[in-house]
């Protein structure tokens, strides 16, 4: 069974940081493109970042320089380091199999940026 389990979300003040994790199982993680996407209340799904099997990374413009995606193929885990968080980053964050954030996703983890 394919599973994606996100964790690491929470409440953080503007300017703060969080590191999200996504533990994957049930498929060949090391050869899979993985991505992060987010969905804010009342809005559609927004792509955040992709990471390819060999480590190439891509980001949405609004996340460049603040977010860093990485992966540990030995642990079947993909990460999203988020720095300089803004209130508009408040959303539920999902990891997904494949690029663009539109593939099979986990349950997500909530990130709330507020003072």
PDB file of N, CA and C in Angstrom:
ATOM      1  N   UNK A   1       0.846  -1.197   0.000  1.00  0.00           N
ATOM      2  CA  UNK A   1       0.000   0.000   0.000  1.00  0.00           C
ATOM      3  C   UNK A   1       0.878   1.243   0.000  1.00  0.00           C
ATOM      4  N   UNK A   2       0.595   2.145  -0.911  1.00  0.00           N
ATOM      5  CA  UNK A   2       1.332   3.399  -0.966  1.00  0.00           C
ATOM      6  C   UNK A   2       0.884   4.306   0.174  1.00  0.00           C
ATOM      7  N   UNK A   3       1.850   4.836   0.902  1.00  0.00           N
ATOM      8  CA  UNK A   3       1.530   5.743   2.005  1.00  0.00           C
ATOM      9  C   UNK A   3       2.471   6.928   2.006  1.00  0.00           C
ATOM     10  N   UNK A   4       1.907   8.082   2.286  1.00  0.00           N
ATOM     11  CA  UNK A   4       2.676   9.309   2.505  1.00  0.00           C
ATOM     12  C   UNK A   4       2.171   9.912   3.810  1.00  0.00           C
ATOM     13  N   UNK A   5       3.066  10.142   4.745  1.00  0.00           N
ATOM     14  CA  UNK A   5       2.687  10.687   6.045  1.00  0.00           C
ATOM     15  C   UNK A   5       3.495  11.945   6.310  1.00  0.00           C
ATOM     16  N   UNK A   6       2.798  13.081   6.281  1.00  0.00           N
ATOM     17  CA  UNK A   6       3.448  14.368   6.539  1.00  0.00           C
ATOM     18  C   UNK A   6       3.445  14.682   8.030  1.00  0.00           C
ATOM     19  N   UNK A   7       4.473  15.413   8.467  1.00  0.00           N
ATOM     20  CA  UNK A   7       4.551  15.849   9.852  1.00  0.00           C
ATOM     21  C   UNK A   7       5.402  17.105   9.929  1.00  0.00           C
ATOM     22  N   UNK A   8       5.364  17.750  11.103  1.00  0.00           N
ATOM     23  CA  UNK A   8       6.225  18.899  11.332  1.00  0.00           C
ATOM     24  C   UNK A   8       5.533  20.241  11.286  1.00  0.00           C
ATOM     25  N   UNK A   9       4.267  20.254  10.972  1.00  0.00           N
ATOM     26  CA  UNK A   9       3.546  21.517  10.947  1.00  0.00           C
ATOM     27  C   UNK A   9       3.293  22.046  12.340  1.00  0.00           C
ATOM     28  N   UNK A  10       2.720  23.238  12.393  1.00  0.00           N
ATOM     29  CA  UNK A  10       2.411  23.842  13.679  1.00  0.00           C
ATOM     30  C   UNK A  10       2.173  25.321  13.559  1.00  0.00           C
ATOM     31  N   UNK A  11       2.135  25.979  14.714  1.00  0.00           N
ATOM     32  CA  UNK A  11       1.945  27.420  14.787  1.00  0.00           C
ATOM     33  C   UNK A  11       3.312  28.081  14.934  1.00  0.00           C
ATOM     34  N   UNK A  12       3.583  29.056  14.093  1.00  0.00           N
ATOM     35  CA  UNK A  12       4.870  29.745  14.146  1.00  0.00           C
ATOM     36  C   UNK A  12       4.639  31.233  13.910  1.00  0.00           C
ATOM     37  N   UNK A  13       5.474  32.048  14.517  1.00  0.00           N
ATOM     38  CA  UNK A  13       5.360  33.496  14.339  1.00  0.00           C
ATOM     39  C   UNK A  13       5.932  33.911  12.981  1.00  0.00           C
ATOM     40  N   UNK A  14       5.461  35.030  12.439  1.00  0.00           N
ATOM     41  CA  UNK A  14       6.064  35.530  11.196  1.00  0.00           C
ATOM     42  C   UNK A  14       7.572  35.663  11.345  1.00  0.00           C
ATOM     43  N   UNK A  15       8.284  35.259  10.305  1.00  0.00           N
ATOM     44  CA  UNK A  15       9.739  35.262  10.338  1.00  0.00           C
ATOM     45  C   UNK A  15      10.345  33.986  10.863  1.00  0.00           C
ATOM     46  N   UNK A  16       9.530  33.111  11.399  1.00  0.00           N
ATOM     47  CA  UNK A  16      10.016  31.864  11.960  1.00  0.00           C
ATOM     48  C   UNK A  16      10.253  30.788  10.915  1.00  0.00           C
ATOM     49  N   UNK A  17      10.635  29.619  11.408  1.00  0.00           N
ATOM     50  CA  UNK A  17      10.969  28.499  10.531  1.00  0.00           C
ATOM     51  C   UNK A  17      10.261  27.226  10.985  1.00  0.00           C
ATOM     52  N   UNK A  18      10.046  26.357  10.027  1.00  0.00           N
ATOM     53  CA  UNK A  18       9.535  25.017  10.290  1.00  0.00           C
ATOM     54  C   UNK A  18      10.179  24.060   9.293  1.00  0.00           C
ATOM     55  N   UNK A  19      10.302  22.818   9.712  1.00  0.00           N
ATOM     56  CA  UNK A  19      10.777  21.776   8.805  1.00  0.00           C
ATOM     57  C   UNK A  19       9.722  20.684   8.719  1.00  0.00           C
ATOM     58  N   UNK A  20       9.174  20.522   7.549  1.00  0.00           N
ATOM     59  CA  UNK A  20       8.184  19.488   7.318  1.00  0.00           C
ATOM     60  C   UNK A  20       8.878  18.214   6.835  1.00  0.00           C
ATOM     61  N   UNK A  21       8.311  17.089   7.205  1.00  0.00           N
ATOM     62  CA  UNK A  21       8.814  15.792   6.763  1.00  0.00           C
ATOM     63  C   UNK A  21       7.678  15.006   6.121  1.00  0.00           C
ATOM     64  N   UNK A  22       8.030  14.147   5.204  1.00  0.00           N
ATOM     65  CA  UNK A  22       7.049  13.270   4.574  1.00  0.00           C
ATOM     66  C   UNK A  22       7.682  11.888   4.456  1.00  0.00           C
ATOM     67  N   UNK A  23       7.155  10.962   5.231  1.00  0.00           N
ATOM     68  CA  UNK A  23       7.646   9.587   5.203  1.00  0.00           C
ATOM     69  C   UNK A  23       6.856   8.794   4.184  1.00  0.00           C
ATOM     70  N   UNK A  24       7.564   8.158   3.263  1.00  0.00           N
ATOM     71  CA  UNK A  24       6.922   7.454   2.156  1.00  0.00           C
ATOM     72  C   UNK A  24       7.144   5.955   2.264  1.00  0.00           C
ATOM     73  N   UNK A  25       6.185   5.196   1.791  1.00  0.00           N
ATOM     74  CA  UNK A  25       6.322   3.740   1.757  1.00  0.00           C
ATOM     75  C   UNK A  25       5.416   3.172   0.680  1.00  0.00           C
ATOM     76  N   UNK A  26       5.732   1.948   0.254  1.00  0.00           N
ATOM     77  CA  UNK A  26       4.871   1.253  -0.689  1.00  0.00           C
ATOM     78  C   UNK A  26       5.179   1.478  -2.154  1.00  0.00           C
ATOM     79  N   UNK A  27       6.264   2.201  -2.444  1.00  0.00           N
ATOM     80  CA  UNK A  27       6.665   2.405  -3.835  1.00  0.00           C
ATOM     81  C   UNK A  27       8.170   2.671  -3.840  1.00  0.00           C
ATOM     82  N   UNK A  28       8.730   2.713  -5.036  1.00  0.00           N
ATOM     83  CA  UNK A  28      10.179   2.895  -5.141  1.00  0.00           C
ATOM     84  C   UNK A  28      10.498   4.376  -5.006  1.00  0.00           C
ATOM     85  N   UNK A  29      10.710   4.787  -3.783  1.00  0.00           N
ATOM     86  CA  UNK A  29      10.897   6.208  -3.466  1.00  0.00           C
ATOM     87  C   UNK A  29      12.119   6.785  -4.176  1.00  0.00           C
ATOM     88  N   UNK A  30      13.196   6.045  -4.172  1.00  0.00           N
ATOM     89  CA  UNK A  30      14.470   6.596  -4.644  1.00  0.00           C
ATOM     90  C   UNK A  30      14.432   7.004  -6.119  1.00  0.00           C
ATOM     91  N   UNK A  31      13.548   6.434  -6.891  1.00  0.00           N
ATOM     92  CA  UNK A  31      13.481   6.760  -8.312  1.00  0.00           C
ATOM     93  C   UNK A  31      12.287   7.643  -8.652  1.00  0.00           C
ATOM     94  N   UNK A  32      11.607   8.117  -7.622  1.00  0.00           N
ATOM     95  CA  UNK A  32      10.392   8.904  -7.825  1.00  0.00           C
ATOM     96  C   UNK A  32      10.634  10.391  -7.648  1.00  0.00           C
ATOM     97  N   UNK A  33      10.034  11.177  -8.531  1.00  0.00           N
ATOM     98  CA  UNK A  33       9.954  12.615  -8.296  1.00  0.00           C
ATOM     99  C   UNK A  33       8.975  12.827  -7.138  1.00  0.00           C
ATOM    100  N   UNK A  34       9.346  13.707  -6.241  1.00  0.00           N
ATOM    101  CA  UNK A  34       8.460  14.034  -5.121  1.00  0.00           C
ATOM    102  C   UNK A  34       8.213  15.540  -5.120  1.00  0.00           C
ATOM    103  N   UNK A  35       7.095  15.929  -4.590  1.00  0.00           N
ATOM    104  CA  UNK A  35       6.759  17.350  -4.579  1.00  0.00           C
ATOM    105  C   UNK A  35       6.024  17.722  -3.310  1.00  0.00           C
ATOM    106  N   UNK A  36       5.961  18.999  -3.073  1.00  0.00           N
ATOM    107  CA  UNK A  36       5.152  19.589  -1.998  1.00  0.00           C
ATOM    108  C   UNK A  36       4.163  20.566  -2.640  1.00  0.00           C
ATOM    109  N   UNK A  37       2.976  20.571  -2.079  1.00  0.00           N
ATOM    110  CA  UNK A  37       1.949  21.521  -2.492  1.00  0.00           C
ATOM    111  C   UNK A  37       1.251  21.998  -1.230  1.00  0.00           C
ATOM    112  N   UNK A  38       0.477  23.042  -1.346  1.00  0.00           N
ATOM    113  CA  UNK A  38      -0.243  23.552  -0.181  1.00  0.00           C
ATOM    114  C   UNK A  38      -1.619  24.055  -0.583  1.00  0.00           C
ATOM    115  N   UNK A  39      -2.484  24.090   0.396  1.00  0.00           N
ATOM    116  CA  UNK A  39      -3.825  24.596   0.156  1.00  0.00           C
ATOM    117  C   UNK A  39      -4.245  25.464   1.323  1.00  0.00           C
ATOM    118  N   UNK A  40      -4.446  26.734   1.055  1.00  0.00           N
ATOM    119  CA  UNK A  40      -4.908  27.666   2.066  1.00  0.00           C
ATOM    120  C   UNK A  40      -6.428  27.602   2.137  1.00  0.00           C
ATOM    121  N   UNK A  41      -6.995  28.015   3.252  1.00  0.00           N
ATOM    122  CA  UNK A  41      -8.454  27.985   3.400  1.00  0.00           C
ATOM    123  C   UNK A  41      -9.144  28.738   2.269  1.00  0.00           C
ATOM    124  N   UNK A  42     -10.094  28.103   1.633  1.00  0.00           N
ATOM    125  CA  UNK A  42     -10.864  28.749   0.586  1.00  0.00           C
ATOM    126  C   UNK A  42     -10.158  28.901  -0.739  1.00  0.00           C
ATOM    127  N   UNK A  43      -8.956  28.329  -0.865  1.00  0.00           N
ATOM    128  CA  UNK A  43      -8.187  28.464  -2.106  1.00  0.00           C
ATOM    129  C   UNK A  43      -7.875  27.094  -2.695  1.00  0.00           C
ATOM    130  N   UNK A  44      -7.409  27.102  -3.916  1.00  0.00           N
ATOM    131  CA  UNK A  44      -7.061  25.861  -4.581  1.00  0.00           C
ATOM    132  C   UNK A  44      -5.687  25.369  -4.201  1.00  0.00           C
ATOM    133  N   UNK A  45      -5.340  24.192  -4.692  1.00  0.00           N
ATOM    134  CA  UNK A  45      -4.038  23.614  -4.415  1.00  0.00           C
ATOM    135  C   UNK A  45      -2.961  24.412  -5.141  1.00  0.00           C
ATOM    136  N   UNK A  46      -1.897  24.733  -4.429  1.00  0.00           N
ATOM    137  CA  UNK A  46      -0.800  25.524  -4.977  1.00  0.00           C
ATOM    138  C   UNK A  46       0.479  24.704  -4.924  1.00  0.00           C
ATOM    139  N   UNK A  47       1.145  24.553  -6.062  1.00  0.00           N
ATOM    140  CA  UNK A  47       2.418  23.851  -6.099  1.00  0.00           C
ATOM    141  C   UNK A  47       3.481  24.653  -5.356  1.00  0.00           C
ATOM    142  N   UNK A  48       4.325  23.946  -4.604  1.00  0.00           N
ATOM    143  CA  UNK A  48       5.387  24.592  -3.835  1.00  0.00           C
ATOM    144  C   UNK A  48       6.757  24.240  -4.413  1.00  0.00           C
ATOM    145  N   UNK A  49       7.032  22.951  -4.565  1.00  0.00           N
ATOM    146  CA  UNK A  49       8.385  22.557  -4.949  1.00  0.00           C
ATOM    147  C   UNK A  49       8.427  21.116  -5.425  1.00  0.00           C
ATOM    148  N   UNK A  50       9.370  20.828  -6.316  1.00  0.00           N
ATOM    149  CA  UNK A  50       9.646  19.462  -6.775  1.00  0.00           C
ATOM    150  C   UNK A  50      11.088  19.104  -6.462  1.00  0.00           C
ATOM    151  N   UNK A  51      11.312  17.810  -6.240  1.00  0.00           N
ATOM    152  CA  UNK A  51      12.680  17.305  -6.182  1.00  0.00           C
ATOM    153  C   UNK A  51      12.745  16.015  -6.977  1.00  0.00           C
ATOM    154  N   UNK A  52      13.720  15.951  -7.874  1.00  0.00           N
ATOM    155  CA  UNK A  52      13.887  14.793  -8.716  1.00  0.00           C
ATOM    156  C   UNK A  52      14.770  13.760  -8.018  1.00  0.00           C
ATOM    157  N   UNK A  53      14.795  12.572  -8.601  1.00  0.00           N
ATOM    158  CA  UNK A  53      15.468  11.461  -7.934  1.00  0.00           C
ATOM    159  C   UNK A  53      16.952  11.726  -7.708  1.00  0.00           C
ATOM    160  N   UNK A  54      17.563  12.473  -8.598  1.00  0.00           N
ATOM    161  CA  UNK A  54      18.990  12.765  -8.440  1.00  0.00           C
ATOM    162  C   UNK A  54      19.258  14.075  -7.719  1.00  0.00           C
ATOM    163  N   UNK A  55      18.165  14.727  -7.253  1.00  0.00           N
ATOM    164  CA  UNK A  55      18.347  15.889  -6.397  1.00  0.00           C
ATOM    165  C   UNK A  55      18.066  17.237  -7.027  1.00  0.00           C
ATOM    166  N   UNK A  56      17.760  17.289  -8.295  1.00  0.00           N
ATOM    167  CA  UNK A  56      17.402  18.575  -8.896  1.00  0.00           C
ATOM    168  C   UNK A  56      16.146  19.113  -8.236  1.00  0.00           C
ATOM    169  N   UNK A  57      16.136  20.407  -8.004  1.00  0.00           N
ATOM    170  CA  UNK A  57      15.013  21.002  -7.288  1.00  0.00           C
ATOM    171  C   UNK A  57      14.419  22.174  -8.069  1.00  0.00           C
ATOM    172  N   UNK A  58      13.131  22.401  -7.844  1.00  0.00           N
ATOM    173  CA  UNK A  58      12.399  23.477  -8.498  1.00  0.00           C
ATOM    174  C   UNK A  58      11.424  24.062  -7.494  1.00  0.00           C
ATOM    175  N   UNK A  59      11.214  25.373  -7.582  1.00  0.00           N
ATOM    176  CA  UNK A  59      10.374  26.071  -6.614  1.00  0.00           C
ATOM    177  C   UNK A  59       9.427  27.036  -7.315  1.00  0.00           C
ATOM    178  N   UNK A  60       8.269  27.212  -6.703  1.00  0.00           N
ATOM    179  CA  UNK A  60       7.400  28.302  -7.111  1.00  0.00           C
ATOM    180  C   UNK A  60       8.092  29.619  -6.764  1.00  0.00           C
ATOM    181  N   UNK A  61       7.836  30.636  -7.566  1.00  0.00           N
ATOM    182  CA  UNK A  61       8.557  31.897  -7.408  1.00  0.00           C
ATOM    183  C   UNK A  61       8.449  32.469  -5.994  1.00  0.00           C
ATOM    184  N   UNK A  62       7.280  32.383  -5.395  1.00  0.00           N
ATOM    185  CA  UNK A  62       7.072  32.996  -4.081  1.00  0.00           C
ATOM    186  C   UNK A  62       7.813  32.259  -2.960  1.00  0.00           C
ATOM    187  N   UNK A  63       8.323  31.066  -3.242  1.00  0.00           N
ATOM    188  CA  UNK A  63       9.031  30.284  -2.239  1.00  0.00           C
ATOM    189  C   UNK A  63      10.546  30.305  -2.427  1.00  0.00           C
ATOM    190  N   UNK A  64      10.990  30.751  -3.591  1.00  0.00           N
ATOM    191  CA  UNK A  64      12.435  30.745  -3.863  1.00  0.00           C
ATOM    192  C   UNK A  64      13.186  31.577  -2.837  1.00  0.00           C
ATOM    193  N   UNK A  65      14.275  31.011  -2.332  1.00  0.00           N
ATOM    194  CA  UNK A  65      15.087  31.711  -1.348  1.00  0.00           C
ATOM    195  C   UNK A  65      14.611  31.568   0.083  1.00  0.00           C
ATOM    196  N   UNK A  66      13.390  31.075   0.270  1.00  0.00           N
ATOM    197  CA  UNK A  66      12.864  30.874   1.629  1.00  0.00           C
ATOM    198  C   UNK A  66      12.669  29.405   1.956  1.00  0.00           C
ATOM    199  N   UNK A  67      12.275  28.618   0.966  1.00  0.00           N
ATOM    200  CA  UNK A  67      11.988  27.195   1.178  1.00  0.00           C
ATOM    201  C   UNK A  67      13.077  26.354   0.530  1.00  0.00           C
ATOM    202  N   UNK A  68      13.391  25.232   1.151  1.00  0.00           N
ATOM    203  CA  UNK A  68      14.356  24.291   0.590  1.00  0.00           C
ATOM    204  C   UNK A  68      13.790  22.883   0.681  1.00  0.00           C
ATOM    205  N   UNK A  69      13.698  22.226  -0.456  1.00  0.00           N
ATOM    206  CA  UNK A  69      13.252  20.837  -0.488  1.00  0.00           C
ATOM    207  C   UNK A  69      14.480  19.936  -0.515  1.00  0.00           C
ATOM    208  N   UNK A  70      14.384  18.818   0.169  1.00  0.00           N
ATOM    209  CA  UNK A  70      15.479  17.849   0.157  1.00  0.00           C
ATOM    210  C   UNK A  70      14.898  16.454   0.353  1.00  0.00           C
ATOM    211  N   UNK A  71      15.744  15.461   0.152  1.00  0.00           N
ATOM    212  CA  UNK A  71      15.267  14.090   0.310  1.00  0.00           C
ATOM    213  C   UNK A  71      16.380  13.223   0.870  1.00  0.00           C
ATOM    214  N   UNK A  72      15.968  12.174   1.576  1.00  0.00           N
ATOM    215  CA  UNK A  72      16.887  11.166   2.079  1.00  0.00           C
ATOM    216  C   UNK A  72      16.371   9.830   1.565  1.00  0.00           C
ATOM    217  N   UNK A  73      16.969   9.341   0.513  1.00  0.00           N
ATOM    218  CA  UNK A  73      16.477   8.110  -0.105  1.00  0.00           C
ATOM    219  C   UNK A  73      16.676   6.894   0.804  1.00  0.00           C
ATOM    220  N   UNK A  74      17.638   6.962   1.696  1.00  0.00           N
ATOM    221  CA  UNK A  74      17.839   5.850   2.634  1.00  0.00           C
ATOM    222  C   UNK A  74      16.708   5.771   3.649  1.00  0.00           C
ATOM    223  N   UNK A  75      16.083   6.898   3.917  1.00  0.00           N
ATOM    224  CA  UNK A  75      14.982   6.942   4.887  1.00  0.00           C
ATOM    225  C   UNK A  75      13.616   7.067   4.213  1.00  0.00           C
ATOM    226  N   UNK A  76      13.599   7.069   2.878  1.00  0.00           N
ATOM    227  CA  UNK A  76      12.335   7.242   2.146  1.00  0.00           C
ATOM    228  C   UNK A  76      11.568   8.467   2.644  1.00  0.00           C
ATOM    229  N   UNK A  77      12.275   9.561   2.796  1.00  0.00           N
ATOM    230  CA  UNK A  77      11.681  10.759   3.373  1.00  0.00           C
ATOM    231  C   UNK A  77      12.047  11.984   2.535  1.00  0.00           C
ATOM    232  N   UNK A  78      11.072  12.843   2.358  1.00  0.00           N
ATOM    233  CA  UNK A  78      11.305  14.130   1.705  1.00  0.00           C
ATOM    234  C   UNK A  78      10.992  15.225   2.721  1.00  0.00           C
ATOM    235  N   UNK A  79      11.756  16.287   2.650  1.00  0.00           N
ATOM    236  CA  UNK A  79      11.654  17.375   3.625  1.00  0.00           C
ATOM    237  C   UNK A  79      11.343  18.697   2.932  1.00  0.00           C
ATOM    238  N   UNK A  80      10.792  19.611   3.708  1.00  0.00           N
ATOM    239  CA  UNK A  80      10.631  20.985   3.240  1.00  0.00           C
ATOM    240  C   UNK A  80      11.029  21.902   4.398  1.00  0.00           C
ATOM    241  N   UNK A  81      12.170  22.526   4.255  1.00  0.00           N
ATOM    242  CA  UNK A  81      12.619  23.526   5.231  1.00  0.00           C
ATOM    243  C   UNK A  81      12.036  24.867   4.823  1.00  0.00           C
ATOM    244  N   UNK A  82      11.313  25.475   5.729  1.00  0.00           N
ATOM    245  CA  UNK A  82      10.645  26.737   5.440  1.00  0.00           C
ATOM    246  C   UNK A  82      11.170  27.804   6.389  1.00  0.00           C
ATOM    247  N   UNK A  83      11.765  28.835   5.829  1.00  0.00           N
ATOM    248  CA  UNK A  83      12.311  29.948   6.612  1.00  0.00           C
ATOM    249  C   UNK A  83      11.587  31.239   6.263  1.00  0.00           C
ATOM    250  N   UNK A  84      11.765  32.229   7.106  1.00  0.00           N
ATOM    251  CA  UNK A  84      11.165  33.550   6.862  1.00  0.00           C
ATOM    252  C   UNK A  84       9.689  33.424   6.536  1.00  0.00           C
ATOM    253  N   UNK A  85       8.990  32.677   7.354  1.00  0.00           N
ATOM    254  CA  UNK A  85       7.579  32.410   7.070  1.00  0.00           C
ATOM    255  C   UNK A  85       6.738  33.667   7.204  1.00  0.00           C
ATOM    256  N   UNK A  86       5.715  33.738   6.358  1.00  0.00           N
ATOM    257  CA  UNK A  86       4.810  34.873   6.310  1.00  0.00           C
ATOM    258  C   UNK A  86       3.396  34.399   6.609  1.00  0.00           C
ATOM    259  N   UNK A  87       2.534  35.286   7.043  1.00  0.00           N
ATOM    260  CA  UNK A  87       1.141  34.874   7.284  1.00  0.00           C
ATOM    261  C   UNK A  87       0.498  34.232   6.052  1.00  0.00           C
ATOM    262  N   UNK A  88       0.880  34.681   4.880  1.00  0.00           N
ATOM    263  CA  UNK A  88       0.296  34.109   3.664  1.00  0.00           C
ATOM    264  C   UNK A  88       0.807  32.711   3.360  1.00  0.00           C
ATOM    265  N   UNK A  89       1.747  32.212   4.115  1.00  0.00           N
ATOM    266  CA  UNK A  89       2.185  30.823   3.986  1.00  0.00           C
ATOM    267  C   UNK A  89       1.273  29.876   4.765  1.00  0.00           C
ATOM    268  N   UNK A  90       0.341  30.438   5.517  1.00  0.00           N
ATOM    269  CA  UNK A  90      -0.600  29.599   6.260  1.00  0.00           C
ATOM    270  C   UNK A  90      -1.399  28.730   5.301  1.00  0.00           C
ATOM    271  N   UNK A  91      -1.331  27.420   5.513  1.00  0.00           N
ATOM    272  CA  UNK A  91      -1.976  26.463   4.614  1.00  0.00           C
ATOM    273  C   UNK A  91      -1.786  25.050   5.160  1.00  0.00           C
ATOM    274  N   UNK A  92      -2.469  24.127   4.539  1.00  0.00           N
ATOM    275  CA  UNK A  92      -2.189  22.718   4.786  1.00  0.00           C
ATOM    276  C   UNK A  92      -1.201  22.285   3.712  1.00  0.00           C
ATOM    277  N   UNK A  93      -0.121  21.682   4.134  1.00  0.00           N
ATOM    278  CA  UNK A  93       0.956  21.300   3.240  1.00  0.00           C
ATOM    279  C   UNK A  93       0.914  19.791   3.002  1.00  0.00           C
ATOM    280  N   UNK A  94       1.033  19.432   1.735  1.00  0.00           N
ATOM    281  CA  UNK A  94       0.966  18.036   1.330  1.00  0.00           C
ATOM    282  C   UNK A  94       2.223  17.653   0.562  1.00  0.00           C
ATOM    283  N   UNK A  95       2.694  16.442   0.775  1.00  0.00           N
ATOM    284  CA  UNK A  95       3.687  15.910  -0.154  1.00  0.00           C
ATOM    285  C   UNK A  95       2.959  15.009  -1.143  1.00  0.00           C
ATOM    286  N   UNK A  96       3.543  14.870  -2.312  1.00  0.00           N
ATOM    287  CA  UNK A  96       2.899  14.110  -3.374  1.00  0.00           C
ATOM    288  C   UNK A  96       3.933  13.329  -4.167  1.00  0.00           C
ATOM    289  N   UNK A  97       3.487  12.228  -4.737  1.00  0.00           N
ATOM    290  CA  UNK A  97       4.337  11.461  -5.640  1.00  0.00           C
ATOM    291  C   UNK A  97       4.231  12.082  -7.022  1.00  0.00           C
ATOM    292  N   UNK A  98       5.376  12.346  -7.618  1.00  0.00           N
ATOM    293  CA  UNK A  98       5.370  12.996  -8.918  1.00  0.00           C
ATOM    294  C   UNK A  98       5.505  14.499  -8.783  1.00  0.00           C
ATOM    295  N   UNK A  99       5.744  15.137  -9.896  1.00  0.00           N
ATOM    296  CA  UNK A  99       5.927  16.577  -9.870  1.00  0.00           C
ATOM    297  C   UNK A  99       4.633  17.356  -9.864  1.00  0.00           C
ATOM    298  N   UNK A 100       4.726  18.621  -9.503  1.00  0.00           N
ATOM    299  CA  UNK A 100       3.577  19.503  -9.570  1.00  0.00           C
ATOM    300  C   UNK A 100       2.623  19.435  -8.399  1.00  0.00           C
ATOM    301  N   UNK A 101       2.828  18.496  -7.512  1.00  0.00           N
ATOM    302  CA  UNK A 101       1.959  18.389  -6.345  1.00  0.00           C
ATOM    303  C   UNK A 101       0.597  17.799  -6.620  1.00  0.00           C
ATOM    304  N   UNK A 102       0.385  17.269  -7.818  1.00  0.00           N
ATOM    305  CA  UNK A 102      -0.960  16.830  -8.194  1.00  0.00           C
ATOM    306  C   UNK A 102      -1.145  15.324  -8.118  1.00  0.00           C
ATOM    307  N   UNK A 103      -0.100  14.580  -7.783  1.00  0.00           N
ATOM    308  CA  UNK A 103      -0.209  13.138  -7.679  1.00  0.00           C
ATOM    309  C   UNK A 103      -0.810  12.702  -6.361  1.00  0.00           C
ATOM    310  N   UNK A 104      -0.639  11.421  -6.076  1.00  0.00           N
ATOM    311  CA  UNK A 104      -1.145  10.890  -4.815  1.00  0.00           C
ATOM    312  C   UNK A 104      -0.531  11.664  -3.656  1.00  0.00           C
ATOM    313  N   UNK A 105      -1.379  12.134  -2.738  1.00  0.00           N
ATOM    314  CA  UNK A 105      -0.906  12.944  -1.623  1.00  0.00           C
ATOM    315  C   UNK A 105      -1.261  12.302  -0.295  1.00  0.00           C
ATOM    316  N   UNK A 106      -0.555  12.730   0.729  1.00  0.00           N
ATOM    317  CA  UNK A 106      -0.882  12.292   2.075  1.00  0.00           C
ATOM    318  C   UNK A 106      -2.014  13.122   2.657  1.00  0.00           C
ATOM    319  N   UNK A 107      -2.167  13.022   3.987  1.00  0.00           N
ATOM    320  CA  UNK A 107      -3.225  13.758   4.673  1.00  0.00           C
ATOM    321  C   UNK A 107      -2.848  15.216   4.903  1.00  0.00           C
ATOM    322  N   UNK A 108      -1.585  15.495   4.809  1.00  0.00           N
ATOM    323  CA  UNK A 108      -1.133  16.861   4.979  1.00  0.00           C
ATOM    324  C   UNK A 108      -0.804  17.213   6.411  1.00  0.00           C
ATOM    325  N   UNK A 109      -0.135  18.354   6.567  1.00  0.00           N
ATOM    326  CA  UNK A 109       0.183  18.886   7.888  1.00  0.00           C
ATOM    327  C   UNK A 109      -0.093  20.377   7.874  1.00  0.00           C
ATOM    328  N   UNK A 110      -0.732  20.874   8.929  1.00  0.00           N
ATOM    329  CA  UNK A 110      -1.170  22.273   8.959  1.00  0.00           C
ATOM    330  C   UNK A 110      -0.033  23.180   9.412  1.00  0.00           C
ATOM    331  N   UNK A 111       0.164  24.242   8.680  1.00  0.00           N
ATOM    332  CA  UNK A 111       1.114  25.283   9.042  1.00  0.00           C
ATOM    333  C   UNK A 111       0.336  26.578   9.218  1.00  0.00           C
ATOM    334  N   UNK A 112       0.474  27.179  10.383  1.00  0.00           N
ATOM    335  CA  UNK A 112      -0.195  28.446  10.673  1.00  0.00           C
ATOM    336  C   UNK A 112       0.857  29.468  11.078  1.00  0.00           C
ATOM    337  N   UNK A 113       0.904  30.565  10.339  1.00  0.00           N
ATOM    338  CA  UNK A 113       1.873  31.619  10.618  1.00  0.00           C
ATOM    339  C   UNK A 113       1.102  32.826  11.153  1.00  0.00           C
ATOM    340  N   UNK A 114       1.295  33.089  12.415  1.00  0.00           N
ATOM    341  CA  UNK A 114       0.525  34.142  13.062  1.00  0.00           C
ATOM    342  C   UNK A 114       1.241  34.620  14.307  1.00  0.00           C
ATOM    343  N   UNK A 115       1.071  35.901  14.604  1.00  0.00           N
ATOM    344  CA  UNK A 115       1.633  36.438  15.844  1.00  0.00           C
ATOM    345  C   UNK A 115       0.594  36.405  16.944  1.00  0.00           C
TER     346      UNK A 115
END
